[in-house]
């Protein structure tokens, strides 16, 4: 006597139901993986585009400030680099602008804490100029300065394949006369989950062209 395979109301055997369920689960897994990968790619692309836009805005700000400056100063103290410029604000007014590459805080996805972490920030400060005769000390970088990027790096002069000698890097800023050049790399993604170490180059140069009678100073 032949044993018959149990069937449901639609005439499908239990084995067929199991096979269909397995196939459906596999298809859903593949589709889910594609969907997640697409969403991740969209987030990464958007994050990098935003980082590129930020870098371009920083470069534009630097170019504008230096072109409208009457004088520029570059100082290096330990691992801190500071550029200061006396920038024209209208026909007769002047502002002092300072850009600093400094390591003052530790950044994570959950919090920002005081203290160096080996990653350098690009910070900015605008402050008032003072009379030349007055005793004046330019402000030094603190955590109160605005943050333009929380992870800037040096650009390697000429990357070489491994094994390679100790690499050399360009200076963050170079001042020759009234011409300032900058060469930095900003982290492409601020989101640690998508941070693969890729950077966006921030390079450019500008010449101070404004003129004044020298009645005030910024440093």
Protein backbone atom coordinates (compact mmCIF):
# COMPACT_ATOMS: atom_id res chain seq x y z
CA UNK A 1 0.00 0.00 0.00
CA UNK A 2 1.55 3.34 -1.11
CA UNK A 3 1.92 6.08 1.54
CA UNK A 4 0.68 9.48 0.37
CA UNK A 5 2.45 12.76 1.24
CA UNK A 6 0.19 15.04 3.33
CA UNK A 7 -1.11 18.03 1.41
CA UNK A 8 -2.68 21.28 2.55
CA UNK A 9 -5.88 22.76 1.26
CA UNK A 10 -4.13 24.19 -1.82
CA UNK A 11 -2.86 20.80 -2.84
CA UNK A 12 0.80 21.49 -1.84
CA UNK A 13 2.84 18.93 0.06
CA UNK A 14 4.68 19.83 3.27
CA UNK A 15 8.02 19.31 1.49
CA UNK A 16 7.03 21.80 -1.20
CA UNK A 17 6.01 24.33 1.46
CA UNK A 18 9.37 23.98 3.19
CA UNK A 19 11.26 24.39 -0.10
CA UNK A 20 9.24 27.50 -1.01
CA UNK A 21 9.78 28.95 2.47
CA UNK A 22 13.55 28.42 2.22
CA UNK A 23 13.69 29.99 -1.25
CA UNK A 24 11.59 32.96 -0.06
CA UNK A 25 13.89 33.46 2.94
CA UNK A 26 16.97 33.40 0.70
CA UNK A 27 15.43 35.90 -1.70
CA UNK A 28 14.44 38.20 1.16
CA UNK A 29 17.96 37.96 2.56
CA UNK A 30 19.49 38.90 -0.80
CA UNK A 31 17.05 41.76 -1.32
CA UNK A 32 17.63 42.97 2.24
CA UNK A 33 21.39 42.92 1.71
CA UNK A 34 21.06 44.89 -1.51
CA UNK A 35 18.79 47.42 0.20
CA UNK A 36 21.14 47.85 3.18
CA UNK A 37 24.16 48.16 0.89
CA UNK A 38 22.35 50.79 -1.18
CA UNK A 39 21.36 52.77 1.90
CA UNK A 40 24.91 52.59 3.27
CA UNK A 41 26.32 53.74 -0.07
CA UNK A 42 23.87 56.66 -0.14
CA UNK A 43 24.83 57.73 3.39
CA UNK A 44 28.57 57.45 2.64
CA UNK A 45 28.23 59.44 -0.59
CA UNK A 46 26.15 62.13 1.10
CA UNK A 47 28.58 62.34 4.01
CA UNK A 48 31.57 62.69 1.67
CA UNK A 49 29.78 65.29 -0.44
CA UNK A 50 29.08 67.28 2.72
CA UNK A 51 32.73 67.00 3.76
CA UNK A 52 33.86 68.14 0.31
CA UNK A 53 31.51 71.12 0.53
CA UNK A 54 32.89 71.99 3.96
CA UNK A 55 36.47 71.83 2.67
CA UNK A 56 35.59 74.07 -0.28
CA UNK A 57 33.95 76.56 2.09
CA UNK A 58 37.08 76.60 4.28
CA UNK A 59 39.31 77.20 1.25
CA UNK A 60 37.03 79.99 0.02
CA UNK A 61 37.10 81.61 3.48
CA UNK A 62 40.89 81.43 3.65
CA UNK A 63 41.28 82.86 0.13
CA UNK A 64 38.90 85.74 0.83
CA UNK A 65 40.47 86.64 4.19
CA UNK A 66 44.04 86.62 2.88
CA UNK A 67 43.23 88.59 -0.28
CA UNK A 68 41.52 91.25 1.86
CA UNK A 69 44.30 91.35 4.45
CA UNK A 70 46.89 94.08 4.88
CA UNK A 71 49.28 91.79 6.74
CA UNK A 72 49.59 88.10 7.56
CA UNK A 73 51.50 86.31 10.31
CA UNK A 74 52.40 82.62 10.56
CA UNK A 75 53.60 81.15 13.86
CA UNK A 76 54.55 77.64 14.93
CA UNK A 77 54.69 76.72 18.62
CA UNK A 78 55.29 73.05 19.29
CA UNK A 79 52.60 71.15 17.40
CA UNK A 80 50.34 74.21 17.07
CA UNK A 81 50.27 76.25 13.86
CA UNK A 82 48.50 79.62 13.76
CA UNK A 83 47.83 82.00 10.87
CA UNK A 84 46.70 85.52 11.73
CA UNK A 85 45.51 88.16 9.29
CA UNK A 86 44.40 91.77 9.58
CA UNK A 87 41.38 91.76 7.30
CA UNK A 88 39.60 94.76 5.80
CA UNK A 89 35.97 95.04 6.85
CA UNK A 90 34.54 97.73 4.62
CA UNK A 91 36.43 100.90 3.68
CA UNK A 92 38.02 101.82 7.00
CA UNK A 93 37.27 99.08 9.55
CA UNK A 94 39.47 96.06 10.22
CA UNK A 95 38.99 92.65 11.81
CA UNK A 96 41.55 90.19 13.07
CA UNK A 97 41.14 86.63 11.87
CA UNK A 98 43.07 83.64 13.16
CA UNK A 99 43.19 80.07 11.84
CA UNK A 100 44.83 77.40 13.99
CA UNK A 101 45.77 73.76 13.50
CA UNK A 102 45.81 72.41 17.03
CA UNK A 103 44.96 69.30 19.06
CA UNK A 104 42.78 70.39 21.98
CA UNK A 105 39.90 67.91 22.16
CA UNK A 106 39.00 64.26 21.70
CA UNK A 107 36.06 63.60 19.38
CA UNK A 108 33.84 60.52 19.38
CA UNK A 109 30.34 59.67 18.19
CA UNK A 110 28.94 60.13 21.69
CA UNK A 111 30.86 63.08 23.13
CA UNK A 112 33.61 65.66 22.80
CA UNK A 113 36.04 65.80 25.70
CA UNK A 114 38.93 68.11 26.56
CA UNK A 115 42.36 66.70 25.86
CA UNK A 116 44.54 65.81 22.90
CA UNK A 117 43.86 62.62 20.94
CA UNK A 118 46.50 62.88 18.22
CA UNK A 119 43.99 64.22 15.69
CA UNK A 120 44.30 67.90 14.84
CA UNK A 121 41.45 70.36 14.53
CA UNK A 122 41.28 73.38 12.24
CA UNK A 123 39.89 76.25 14.33
CA UNK A 124 39.04 79.89 13.62
CA UNK A 125 38.58 83.06 15.66
CA UNK A 126 37.60 86.63 14.79
CA UNK A 127 38.69 89.30 17.27
CA UNK A 128 39.08 93.09 17.44
CA UNK A 129 42.21 94.94 16.40
CA UNK A 130 43.81 97.38 18.84
CA UNK A 131 45.79 100.62 18.66
CA UNK A 132 49.44 100.21 17.76
CA UNK A 133 50.56 102.02 20.92
CA UNK A 134 48.61 99.66 23.19
CA UNK A 135 50.19 96.66 24.84
CA UNK A 136 48.58 93.66 23.18
CA UNK A 137 48.96 89.90 23.12
CA UNK A 138 47.16 87.97 20.40
CA UNK A 139 44.77 85.32 21.72
CA UNK A 140 46.07 81.74 21.74
CA UNK A 141 43.90 78.83 20.54
CA UNK A 142 41.41 77.41 23.04
CA UNK A 143 38.35 75.19 22.85
CA UNK A 144 36.28 78.38 22.63
CA UNK A 145 37.53 78.91 19.06
CA UNK A 146 35.19 77.76 16.31
CA UNK A 147 35.84 74.35 14.73
CA UNK A 148 36.06 74.17 10.93
CA UNK A 149 37.20 70.53 10.88
CA UNK A 150 37.83 68.14 13.76
CA UNK A 151 40.36 66.01 11.86
CA UNK A 152 42.94 67.60 9.55
CA UNK A 153 46.09 65.86 8.40
CA UNK A 154 49.29 66.69 6.58
CA UNK A 155 49.60 65.89 2.89
CA UNK A 156 52.40 63.50 2.01
CA UNK A 157 54.92 65.02 -0.39
CA UNK A 158 55.23 61.97 -2.61
CA UNK A 159 53.46 58.78 -1.56
CA UNK A 160 55.62 55.72 -2.14
CA UNK A 161 54.74 52.01 -2.17
CA UNK A 162 55.50 49.77 0.79
CA UNK A 163 58.13 49.13 1.97
CA UNK A 164 59.11 52.76 1.85
CA UNK A 165 61.38 55.20 3.68
CA UNK A 166 59.97 57.52 6.30
CA UNK A 167 57.43 59.73 4.48
CA UNK A 168 57.73 63.50 4.36
CA UNK A 169 54.83 65.91 4.51
CA UNK A 170 53.96 69.40 3.36
CA UNK A 171 53.55 72.09 6.01
CA UNK A 172 49.99 73.00 6.87
CA UNK A 173 50.73 76.62 5.97
CA UNK A 174 53.60 78.37 4.22
CA UNK A 175 54.08 82.16 4.22
CA UNK A 176 56.39 83.80 1.68
CA UNK A 177 56.25 87.57 1.88
CA UNK A 178 52.54 88.40 1.67
CA UNK A 179 51.63 85.11 -0.02
CA UNK A 180 50.08 82.35 2.08
CA UNK A 181 49.75 78.76 0.87
CA UNK A 182 47.88 75.97 2.64
CA UNK A 183 48.08 72.20 2.20
CA UNK A 184 45.85 70.12 4.43
CA UNK A 185 43.71 67.01 4.15
CA UNK A 186 40.38 66.87 5.98
CA UNK A 187 38.77 63.57 6.91
CA UNK A 188 36.16 62.73 4.27
CA UNK A 189 33.63 61.35 6.75
CA UNK A 190 32.88 62.60 10.22
CA UNK A 191 30.80 59.47 10.88
CA UNK A 192 33.01 56.83 12.48
CA UNK A 193 30.82 54.04 11.08
CA UNK A 194 31.75 55.09 7.54
CA UNK A 195 35.23 56.41 8.23
CA UNK A 196 37.69 54.46 6.12
CA UNK A 197 40.46 57.05 6.43
CA UNK A 198 39.73 58.74 3.12
CA UNK A 199 40.50 62.45 3.08
CA UNK A 200 39.62 65.49 0.97
CA UNK A 201 42.51 67.77 -0.01
CA UNK A 202 42.36 71.38 1.11
CA UNK A 203 44.99 73.26 -0.89
CA UNK A 204 45.31 76.78 -2.18
CA UNK A 205 47.10 80.10 -1.93
CA UNK A 206 46.36 83.82 -1.79
CA UNK A 207 48.25 87.11 -1.53
CA UNK A 208 47.45 89.89 0.94
CA UNK A 209 46.47 92.93 -1.18
CA UNK A 210 44.80 95.40 1.18
CA UNK A 211 46.59 98.60 2.28
CA UNK A 212 46.25 100.65 5.45
CA UNK A 213 48.08 103.29 7.46
CA UNK A 214 49.06 100.87 10.19
CA UNK A 215 47.22 102.54 13.06
CA UNK A 216 46.03 99.24 14.59
CA UNK A 217 47.37 95.73 14.94
CA UNK A 218 46.28 92.11 15.41
CA UNK A 219 49.45 90.76 17.04
